[in-house]
């Protein structure tokens, strides 16, 4: 495990430094968002090929992480083309003033790299131990992951279509998957991590993967996901009504009054 953590830490550090340098050239620190999913893909490949041989569980995790991370990176990249720096990072740039470069290096890029390494435990753990093929936990976890992937991919596609056709930036998407949860893409990401955690349960110390899934949930609900959108639409009457009718995270039927 320690050697795998060392390899992963070095790979993430190099990756985040490269992202940081590109961001400074483009004067756009929101580039770091594109690297979120790719960082885990880099960990998956680094640890997978560092070990001699592989088994079905390791190959399954590599495949699932790659599908999630690469798709998410491409989606964010396409969404960001021509948009300039995201408003969150614009506000950071104003607040940090002349020290923005050095502060961004540590508080944006290195911090995200550290969080990646912390959350990547399931990916690293599965590479440290070969198992006897796929079992019931693997199939249950895969099913949960597929549900999560569906919610994230379809939710993102519906949001993209909505933004393309809306008349005002204040319009609120309340149809499709967004009718049942205000954050189908975030729910999907959380579900995928819970699925991966379940896949690892039969391994020694595999249950610790549940902590990674829980931390992802907390980040999405309390830090980097839901709070930003709620703050963005705090004064939007339509969104406030939407909040009253639709579950925040876990999909369920809307409360129609």
C-alpha atoms as a PDB file:
ATOM      1  CA  UNK A   1       0.000   0.000   0.000  1.00  0.00           C
ATOM      2  CA  UNK A   2       2.717   2.490   0.914  1.00  0.00           C
ATOM      3  CA  UNK A   3       4.566   2.016  -2.364  1.00  0.00           C
ATOM      4  CA  UNK A   4       1.295   2.400  -4.260  1.00  0.00           C
ATOM      5  CA  UNK A   5       0.517   5.570  -2.319  1.00  0.00           C
ATOM      6  CA  UNK A   6       3.976   6.867  -3.171  1.00  0.00           C
ATOM      7  CA  UNK A   7       3.488   6.194  -6.871  1.00  0.00           C
ATOM      8  CA  UNK A   8       0.008   7.757  -6.759  1.00  0.00           C
ATOM      9  CA  UNK A   9       1.177  10.811  -4.848  1.00  0.00           C
ATOM     10  CA  UNK A  10       4.019  11.466  -7.272  1.00  0.00           C
ATOM     11  CA  UNK A  11       1.745  11.016 -10.296  1.00  0.00           C
ATOM     12  CA  UNK A  12      -0.873  13.393  -8.887  1.00  0.00           C
ATOM     13  CA  UNK A  13       1.746  15.987  -7.941  1.00  0.00           C
ATOM     14  CA  UNK A  14       3.233  16.020 -11.452  1.00  0.00           C
ATOM     15  CA  UNK A  15      -0.235  16.172 -12.998  1.00  0.00           C
ATOM     16  CA  UNK A  16      -1.377  19.063 -10.787  1.00  0.00           C
ATOM     17  CA  UNK A  17       1.832  21.037 -11.403  1.00  0.00           C
ATOM     18  CA  UNK A  18       1.271  20.690 -15.161  1.00  0.00           C
ATOM     19  CA  UNK A  19      -2.343  21.831 -14.762  1.00  0.00           C
ATOM     20  CA  UNK A  20      -1.182  24.765 -12.651  1.00  0.00           C
ATOM     21  CA  UNK A  21       1.344  25.893 -15.278  1.00  0.00           C
ATOM     22  CA  UNK A  22      -1.262  25.680 -18.047  1.00  0.00           C
ATOM     23  CA  UNK A  23      -3.705  27.639 -15.880  1.00  0.00           C
ATOM     24  CA  UNK A  24      -1.182  30.442 -15.329  1.00  0.00           C
ATOM     25  CA  UNK A  25      -0.462  30.717 -19.055  1.00  0.00           C
ATOM     26  CA  UNK A  26      -4.198  30.919 -19.800  1.00  0.00           C
ATOM     27  CA  UNK A  27      -4.969  32.939 -16.643  1.00  0.00           C
ATOM     28  CA  UNK A  28      -7.782  30.511 -15.868  1.00  0.00           C
ATOM     29  CA  UNK A  29      -7.568  28.563 -12.620  1.00  0.00           C
ATOM     30  CA  UNK A  30     -10.899  26.847 -13.291  1.00  0.00           C
ATOM     31  CA  UNK A  31      -8.904  24.488 -15.524  1.00  0.00           C
ATOM     32  CA  UNK A  32      -8.402  22.541 -12.294  1.00  0.00           C
ATOM     33  CA  UNK A  33     -12.001  21.292 -12.603  1.00  0.00           C
ATOM     34  CA  UNK A  34     -11.115  19.466 -15.818  1.00  0.00           C
ATOM     35  CA  UNK A  35      -8.399  17.627 -13.928  1.00  0.00           C
ATOM     36  CA  UNK A  36     -10.678  16.300 -11.166  1.00  0.00           C
ATOM     37  CA  UNK A  37     -11.769  13.110 -12.889  1.00  0.00           C
ATOM     38  CA  UNK A  38      -8.505  12.679 -14.793  1.00  0.00           C
ATOM     39  CA  UNK A  39      -6.520  12.647 -11.555  1.00  0.00           C
ATOM     40  CA  UNK A  40      -8.279   9.482 -10.423  1.00  0.00           C
ATOM     41  CA  UNK A  41      -7.762   7.917 -13.855  1.00  0.00           C
ATOM     42  CA  UNK A  42      -4.029   8.606 -13.530  1.00  0.00           C
ATOM     43  CA  UNK A  43      -4.011   6.948 -10.101  1.00  0.00           C
ATOM     44  CA  UNK A  44      -5.906   3.957 -11.492  1.00  0.00           C
ATOM     45  CA  UNK A  45      -3.478   3.382 -14.347  1.00  0.00           C
ATOM     46  CA  UNK A  46      -0.374   4.114 -12.268  1.00  0.00           C
ATOM     47  CA  UNK A  47      -1.285   1.577  -9.588  1.00  0.00           C
ATOM     48  CA  UNK A  48      -2.684  -0.979 -12.044  1.00  0.00           C
ATOM     49  CA  UNK A  49       0.491  -1.217 -14.122  1.00  0.00           C
ATOM     50  CA  UNK A  50       2.804  -0.913 -11.125  1.00  0.00           C
ATOM     51  CA  UNK A  51       1.642  -4.317  -9.924  1.00  0.00           C
ATOM     52  CA  UNK A  52       2.613  -7.564 -11.603  1.00  0.00           C
ATOM     53  CA  UNK A  53      -0.423  -9.248 -13.057  1.00  0.00           C
ATOM     54  CA  UNK A  54      -4.023  -8.324 -12.444  1.00  0.00           C
ATOM     55  CA  UNK A  55      -7.385  -9.890 -11.658  1.00  0.00           C
ATOM     56  CA  UNK A  56     -10.978  -9.246 -12.715  1.00  0.00           C
ATOM     57  CA  UNK A  57     -11.770  -6.938  -9.789  1.00  0.00           C
ATOM     58  CA  UNK A  58      -8.755  -4.747 -10.484  1.00  0.00           C
ATOM     59  CA  UNK A  59      -9.621  -4.588 -14.176  1.00  0.00           C
ATOM     60  CA  UNK A  60     -13.236  -3.731 -13.334  1.00  0.00           C
ATOM     61  CA  UNK A  61     -12.228  -0.809 -11.100  1.00  0.00           C
ATOM     62  CA  UNK A  62      -9.786   0.466 -13.742  1.00  0.00           C
ATOM     63  CA  UNK A  63     -12.572   0.379 -16.338  1.00  0.00           C
ATOM     64  CA  UNK A  64     -15.186   2.080 -14.154  1.00  0.00           C
ATOM     65  CA  UNK A  65     -12.847   4.841 -12.972  1.00  0.00           C
ATOM     66  CA  UNK A  66     -11.701   5.472 -16.555  1.00  0.00           C
ATOM     67  CA  UNK A  67     -15.261   5.661 -17.903  1.00  0.00           C
ATOM     68  CA  UNK A  68     -16.255   8.115 -15.187  1.00  0.00           C
ATOM     69  CA  UNK A  69     -13.115  10.274 -15.118  1.00  0.00           C
ATOM     70  CA  UNK A  70     -12.504  10.649 -18.856  1.00  0.00           C
ATOM     71  CA  UNK A  71     -16.160  11.348 -19.663  1.00  0.00           C
ATOM     72  CA  UNK A  72     -16.378  13.948 -16.889  1.00  0.00           C
ATOM     73  CA  UNK A  73     -13.179  15.674 -18.023  1.00  0.00           C
ATOM     74  CA  UNK A  74     -14.343  15.844 -21.650  1.00  0.00           C
ATOM     75  CA  UNK A  75     -17.754  17.145 -20.582  1.00  0.00           C
ATOM     76  CA  UNK A  76     -16.260  19.920 -18.426  1.00  0.00           C
ATOM     77  CA  UNK A  77     -13.716  20.792 -21.138  1.00  0.00           C
ATOM     78  CA  UNK A  78     -16.397  21.182 -23.822  1.00  0.00           C
ATOM     79  CA  UNK A  79     -18.592  23.165 -21.426  1.00  0.00           C
ATOM     80  CA  UNK A  80     -15.718  25.530 -20.603  1.00  0.00           C
ATOM     81  CA  UNK A  81     -14.688  26.347 -24.186  1.00  0.00           C
ATOM     82  CA  UNK A  82     -15.168  30.048 -24.818  1.00  0.00           C
ATOM     83  CA  UNK A  83     -16.582  30.722 -21.354  1.00  0.00           C
ATOM     84  CA  UNK A  84     -13.513  32.138 -19.639  1.00  0.00           C
ATOM     85  CA  UNK A  85     -12.638  31.583 -15.995  1.00  0.00           C
ATOM     86  CA  UNK A  86     -15.461  30.249 -13.830  1.00  0.00           C
ATOM     87  CA  UNK A  87     -17.054  32.874 -11.557  1.00  0.00           C
ATOM     88  CA  UNK A  88     -15.860  31.071  -8.399  1.00  0.00           C
ATOM     89  CA  UNK A  89     -12.230  31.384  -9.441  1.00  0.00           C
ATOM     90  CA  UNK A  90     -12.769  34.951 -10.635  1.00  0.00           C
ATOM     91  CA  UNK A  91     -13.894  35.805  -7.108  1.00  0.00           C
ATOM     92  CA  UNK A  92     -10.853  34.013  -5.684  1.00  0.00           C
ATOM     93  CA  UNK A  93      -8.592  35.972  -8.022  1.00  0.00           C
ATOM     94  CA  UNK A  94     -10.075  39.259  -6.816  1.00  0.00           C
ATOM     95  CA  UNK A  95      -9.819  38.266  -3.160  1.00  0.00           C
ATOM     96  CA  UNK A  96      -6.212  37.033  -3.419  1.00  0.00           C
ATOM     97  CA  UNK A  97      -4.964  40.022  -5.379  1.00  0.00           C
ATOM     98  CA  UNK A  98      -1.260  40.119  -6.209  1.00  0.00           C
ATOM     99  CA  UNK A  99      -0.665  36.825  -4.363  1.00  0.00           C
ATOM    100  CA  UNK A 100      -3.129  34.916  -6.528  1.00  0.00           C
ATOM    101  CA  UNK A 101      -0.472  32.725  -8.208  1.00  0.00           C
ATOM    102  CA  UNK A 102       1.140  31.337  -5.078  1.00  0.00           C
ATOM    103  CA  UNK A 103      -2.144  31.039  -3.181  1.00  0.00           C
ATOM    104  CA  UNK A 104      -3.815  29.272  -6.122  1.00  0.00           C
ATOM    105  CA  UNK A 105      -0.926  26.813  -6.313  1.00  0.00           C
ATOM    106  CA  UNK A 106      -1.471  25.645  -2.747  1.00  0.00           C
ATOM    107  CA  UNK A 107      -5.178  26.314  -2.077  1.00  0.00           C
ATOM    108  CA  UNK A 108      -6.522  25.219  -5.461  1.00  0.00           C
ATOM    109  CA  UNK A 109      -4.144  22.826  -7.195  1.00  0.00           C
ATOM    110  CA  UNK A 110      -2.194  21.220  -4.356  1.00  0.00           C
ATOM    111  CA  UNK A 111      -5.266  21.044  -2.121  1.00  0.00           C
ATOM    112  CA  UNK A 112      -7.260  19.314  -4.841  1.00  0.00           C
ATOM    113  CA  UNK A 113      -4.363  16.927  -5.425  1.00  0.00           C
ATOM    114  CA  UNK A 114      -4.282  16.080  -1.713  1.00  0.00           C
ATOM    115  CA  UNK A 115      -8.045  15.484  -1.673  1.00  0.00           C
ATOM    116  CA  UNK A 116      -7.683  13.229  -4.726  1.00  0.00           C
ATOM    117  CA  UNK A 117      -5.041  11.153  -2.978  1.00  0.00           C
ATOM    118  CA  UNK A 118      -7.178  10.939   0.150  1.00  0.00           C
ATOM    119  CA  UNK A 119     -10.265   9.811  -1.752  1.00  0.00           C
ATOM    120  CA  UNK A 120      -8.381   7.441  -4.055  1.00  0.00           C
ATOM    121  CA  UNK A 121      -8.070   4.783  -1.348  1.00  0.00           C
ATOM    122  CA  UNK A 122     -10.433   2.321  -3.125  1.00  0.00           C
ATOM    123  CA  UNK A 123      -8.418   2.574  -6.345  1.00  0.00           C
ATOM    124  CA  UNK A 124      -5.136   2.052  -4.518  1.00  0.00           C
ATOM    125  CA  UNK A 125      -6.501  -0.680  -2.247  1.00  0.00           C
ATOM    126  CA  UNK A 126      -7.775  -2.836  -5.105  1.00  0.00           C
ATOM    127  CA  UNK A 127      -4.342  -2.739  -6.756  1.00  0.00           C
ATOM    128  CA  UNK A 128      -2.649  -3.935  -3.563  1.00  0.00           C
ATOM    129  CA  UNK A 129      -4.452  -7.274  -3.363  1.00  0.00           C
ATOM    130  CA  UNK A 130      -5.505  -9.839  -5.908  1.00  0.00           C
ATOM    131  CA  UNK A 131      -8.799 -11.600  -5.289  1.00  0.00           C
ATOM    132  CA  UNK A 132     -10.519 -14.679  -6.633  1.00  0.00           C
ATOM    133  CA  UNK A 133     -12.486 -13.070  -9.431  1.00  0.00           C
ATOM    134  CA  UNK A 134     -15.818 -11.302  -9.208  1.00  0.00           C
ATOM    135  CA  UNK A 135     -18.329 -12.156  -6.503  1.00  0.00           C
ATOM    136  CA  UNK A 136     -21.781 -11.032  -5.356  1.00  0.00           C
ATOM    137  CA  UNK A 137     -20.406  -7.799  -3.856  1.00  0.00           C
ATOM    138  CA  UNK A 138     -18.761  -6.956  -7.186  1.00  0.00           C
ATOM    139  CA  UNK A 139     -22.006  -7.408  -9.120  1.00  0.00           C
ATOM    140  CA  UNK A 140     -24.056  -5.436  -6.589  1.00  0.00           C
ATOM    141  CA  UNK A 141     -21.473  -2.649  -6.604  1.00  0.00           C
ATOM    142  CA  UNK A 142     -21.423  -2.646 -10.402  1.00  0.00           C
ATOM    143  CA  UNK A 143     -25.218  -2.292 -10.483  1.00  0.00           C
ATOM    144  CA  UNK A 144     -25.052   0.681  -8.104  1.00  0.00           C
ATOM    145  CA  UNK A 145     -22.286   2.223 -10.215  1.00  0.00           C
ATOM    146  CA  UNK A 146     -24.342   1.848 -13.405  1.00  0.00           C
ATOM    147  CA  UNK A 147     -27.284   3.647 -11.788  1.00  0.00           C
ATOM    148  CA  UNK A 148     -24.952   6.461 -10.748  1.00  0.00           C
ATOM    149  CA  UNK A 149     -23.363   6.678 -14.190  1.00  0.00           C
ATOM    150  CA  UNK A 150     -26.827   6.881 -15.772  1.00  0.00           C
ATOM    151  CA  UNK A 151     -27.852   9.750 -13.500  1.00  0.00           C
ATOM    152  CA  UNK A 152     -24.664  11.702 -14.123  1.00  0.00           C
ATOM    153  CA  UNK A 153     -24.515  11.222 -17.898  1.00  0.00           C
ATOM    154  CA  UNK A 154     -28.228  11.765 -18.556  1.00  0.00           C
ATOM    155  CA  UNK A 155     -28.439  14.592 -16.015  1.00  0.00           C
ATOM    156  CA  UNK A 156     -25.506  16.394 -17.654  1.00  0.00           C
ATOM    157  CA  UNK A 157     -26.996  15.884 -21.128  1.00  0.00           C
ATOM    158  CA  UNK A 158     -30.374  17.269 -20.034  1.00  0.00           C
ATOM    159  CA  UNK A 159     -28.712  20.274 -18.407  1.00  0.00           C
ATOM    160  CA  UNK A 160     -26.637  20.968 -21.523  1.00  0.00           C
ATOM    161  CA  UNK A 161     -29.737  20.855 -23.728  1.00  0.00           C
ATOM    162  CA  UNK A 162     -31.642  23.087 -21.320  1.00  0.00           C
ATOM    163  CA  UNK A 163     -28.900  25.729 -21.223  1.00  0.00           C
ATOM    164  CA  UNK A 164     -28.740  25.746 -25.004  1.00  0.00           C
ATOM    165  CA  UNK A 165     -32.471  26.447 -25.384  1.00  0.00           C
ATOM    166  CA  UNK A 166     -33.361  28.536 -22.308  1.00  0.00           C
ATOM    167  CA  UNK A 167     -34.472  32.126 -22.785  1.00  0.00           C
ATOM    168  CA  UNK A 168     -32.828  33.468 -19.630  1.00  0.00           C
ATOM    169  CA  UNK A 169     -29.973  32.444 -17.338  1.00  0.00           C
ATOM    170  CA  UNK A 170     -32.477  32.651 -14.500  1.00  0.00           C
ATOM    171  CA  UNK A 171     -34.640  29.861 -15.938  1.00  0.00           C
ATOM    172  CA  UNK A 172     -34.663  26.684 -13.838  1.00  0.00           C
ATOM    173  CA  UNK A 173     -34.531  23.114 -15.175  1.00  0.00           C
ATOM    174  CA  UNK A 174     -37.342  21.092 -13.576  1.00  0.00           C
ATOM    175  CA  UNK A 175     -37.921  18.286 -16.070  1.00  0.00           C
ATOM    176  CA  UNK A 176     -36.359  14.924 -16.824  1.00  0.00           C
ATOM    177  CA  UNK A 177     -34.185  13.579 -14.008  1.00  0.00           C
ATOM    178  CA  UNK A 178     -34.146  17.098 -12.562  1.00  0.00           C
ATOM    179  CA  UNK A 179     -37.821  16.654 -11.672  1.00  0.00           C
ATOM    180  CA  UNK A 180     -36.869  13.992  -9.104  1.00  0.00           C
ATOM    181  CA  UNK A 181     -33.644  15.447  -7.692  1.00  0.00           C
ATOM    182  CA  UNK A 182     -32.188  18.945  -7.872  1.00  0.00           C
ATOM    183  CA  UNK A 183     -28.748  17.464  -8.441  1.00  0.00           C
ATOM    184  CA  UNK A 184     -28.935  14.249 -10.525  1.00  0.00           C
ATOM    185  CA  UNK A 185     -25.332  14.668 -11.699  1.00  0.00           C
ATOM    186  CA  UNK A 186     -24.008  14.982  -8.135  1.00  0.00           C
ATOM    187  CA  UNK A 187     -26.192  12.117  -6.949  1.00  0.00           C
ATOM    188  CA  UNK A 188     -24.816  10.054  -9.817  1.00  0.00           C
ATOM    189  CA  UNK A 189     -21.219  10.781  -8.860  1.00  0.00           C
ATOM    190  CA  UNK A 190     -21.875   9.835  -5.242  1.00  0.00           C
ATOM    191  CA  UNK A 191     -23.636   6.619  -6.270  1.00  0.00           C
ATOM    192  CA  UNK A 192     -20.698   5.596  -8.446  1.00  0.00           C
ATOM    193  CA  UNK A 193     -18.318   5.954  -5.501  1.00  0.00           C
ATOM    194  CA  UNK A 194     -20.657   3.947  -3.270  1.00  0.00           C
ATOM    195  CA  UNK A 195     -20.732   1.273  -5.976  1.00  0.00           C
ATOM    196  CA  UNK A 196     -16.941   1.104  -6.077  1.00  0.00           C
ATOM    197  CA  UNK A 197     -16.856   0.868  -2.276  1.00  0.00           C
ATOM    198  CA  UNK A 198     -19.228  -2.105  -2.352  1.00  0.00           C
ATOM    199  CA  UNK A 199     -17.085  -3.829  -4.992  1.00  0.00           C
ATOM    200  CA  UNK A 200     -14.130  -3.628  -2.587  1.00  0.00           C
ATOM    201  CA  UNK A 201     -15.935  -4.902   0.518  1.00  0.00           C
ATOM    202  CA  UNK A 202     -14.627  -8.507   0.278  1.00  0.00           C
ATOM    203  CA  UNK A 203     -10.990  -7.326   0.293  1.00  0.00           C
ATOM    204  CA  UNK A 204      -8.942  -6.969   3.455  1.00  0.00           C
ATOM    205  CA  UNK A 205      -9.556  -3.428   4.736  1.00  0.00           C
ATOM    206  CA  UNK A 206     -11.900  -2.983   1.807  1.00  0.00           C
ATOM    207  CA  UNK A 207     -14.565  -1.568   4.112  1.00  0.00           C
ATOM    208  CA  UNK A 208     -12.425   1.581   4.505  1.00  0.00           C
ATOM    209  CA  UNK A 209     -13.543   2.428   0.955  1.00  0.00           C
ATOM    210  CA  UNK A 210     -16.903   3.347   2.462  1.00  0.00           C
ATOM    211  CA  UNK A 211     -15.170   6.316   4.093  1.00  0.00           C
ATOM    212  CA  UNK A 212     -14.078   7.584   0.659  1.00  0.00           C
ATOM    213  CA  UNK A 213     -17.652   7.332  -0.589  1.00  0.00           C
ATOM    214  CA  UNK A 214     -18.914   9.146   2.507  1.00  0.00           C
ATOM    215  CA  UNK A 215     -16.357  11.934   2.044  1.00  0.00           C
ATOM    216  CA  UNK A 216     -17.411  12.351  -1.594  1.00  0.00           C
ATOM    217  CA  UNK A 217     -21.005  12.701  -0.383  1.00  0.00           C
ATOM    218  CA  UNK A 218     -20.012  15.366   2.132  1.00  0.00           C
ATOM    219  CA  UNK A 219     -17.985  17.291  -0.438  1.00  0.00           C
ATOM    220  CA  UNK A 220     -20.849  17.319  -2.909  1.00  0.00           C
ATOM    221  CA  UNK A 221     -23.504  18.195  -0.344  1.00  0.00           C
ATOM    222  CA  UNK A 222     -21.639  20.617   1.893  1.00  0.00           C
ATOM    223  CA  UNK A 223     -18.581  22.018   0.100  1.00  0.00           C
ATOM    224  CA  UNK A 224     -18.061  22.049  -3.659  1.00  0.00           C
ATOM    225  CA  UNK A 225     -21.336  21.006  -5.256  1.00  0.00           C
ATOM    226  CA  UNK A 226     -24.793  21.767  -3.907  1.00  0.00           C
ATOM    227  CA  UNK A 227     -23.926  24.924  -1.879  1.00  0.00           C
ATOM    228  CA  UNK A 228     -22.637  26.815  -4.940  1.00  0.00           C
ATOM    229  CA  UNK A 229     -25.837  26.271  -6.921  1.00  0.00           C
ATOM    230  CA  UNK A 230     -28.067  27.113  -3.971  1.00  0.00           C
ATOM    231  CA  UNK A 231     -26.092  30.328  -3.430  1.00  0.00           C
ATOM    232  CA  UNK A 232     -26.215  31.167  -7.131  1.00  0.00           C
ATOM    233  CA  UNK A 233     -30.039  31.007  -7.163  1.00  0.00           C
ATOM    234  CA  UNK A 234     -30.687  32.281  -3.637  1.00  0.00           C
ATOM    235  CA  UNK A 235     -32.785  35.182  -4.972  1.00  0.00           C
ATOM    236  CA  UNK A 236     -34.510  33.235  -7.736  1.00  0.00           C
ATOM    237  CA  UNK A 237     -38.199  32.725  -6.878  1.00  0.00           C
ATOM    238  CA  UNK A 238     -38.626  29.856  -9.332  1.00  0.00           C
ATOM    239  CA  UNK A 239     -35.669  28.013  -7.833  1.00  0.00           C
ATOM    240  CA  UNK A 240     -36.938  28.548  -4.305  1.00  0.00           C
ATOM    241  CA  UNK A 241     -40.253  26.975  -5.326  1.00  0.00           C
ATOM    242  CA  UNK A 242     -38.307  24.170  -6.993  1.00  0.00           C
ATOM    243  CA  UNK A 243     -36.490  23.569  -3.696  1.00  0.00           C
ATOM    244  CA  UNK A 244     -39.805  23.157  -1.904  1.00  0.00           C
ATOM    245  CA  UNK A 245     -41.037  20.569  -4.383  1.00  0.00           C
ATOM    246  CA  UNK A 246     -37.941  18.540  -5.284  1.00  0.00           C
ATOM    247  CA  UNK A 247     -35.547  16.455  -3.201  1.00  0.00           C
ATOM    248  CA  UNK A 248     -32.117  17.966  -2.756  1.00  0.00           C
ATOM    249  CA  UNK A 249     -30.097  14.845  -3.578  1.00  0.00           C
ATOM    250  CA  UNK A 250     -31.686  11.401  -3.466  1.00  0.00           C
ATOM    251  CA  UNK A 251     -34.226  11.033  -6.317  1.00  0.00           C
ATOM    252  CA  UNK A 252     -37.865  10.856  -5.294  1.00  0.00           C
ATOM    253  CA  UNK A 253     -41.252  11.950  -6.542  1.00  0.00           C
ATOM    254  CA  UNK A 254     -41.788  15.727  -6.327  1.00  0.00           C
ATOM    255  CA  UNK A 255     -43.972  17.242  -3.606  1.00  0.00           C
ATOM    256  CA  UNK A 256     -46.736  18.869  -5.615  1.00  0.00           C
ATOM    257  CA  UNK A 257     -48.926  21.295  -3.681  1.00  0.00           C
END
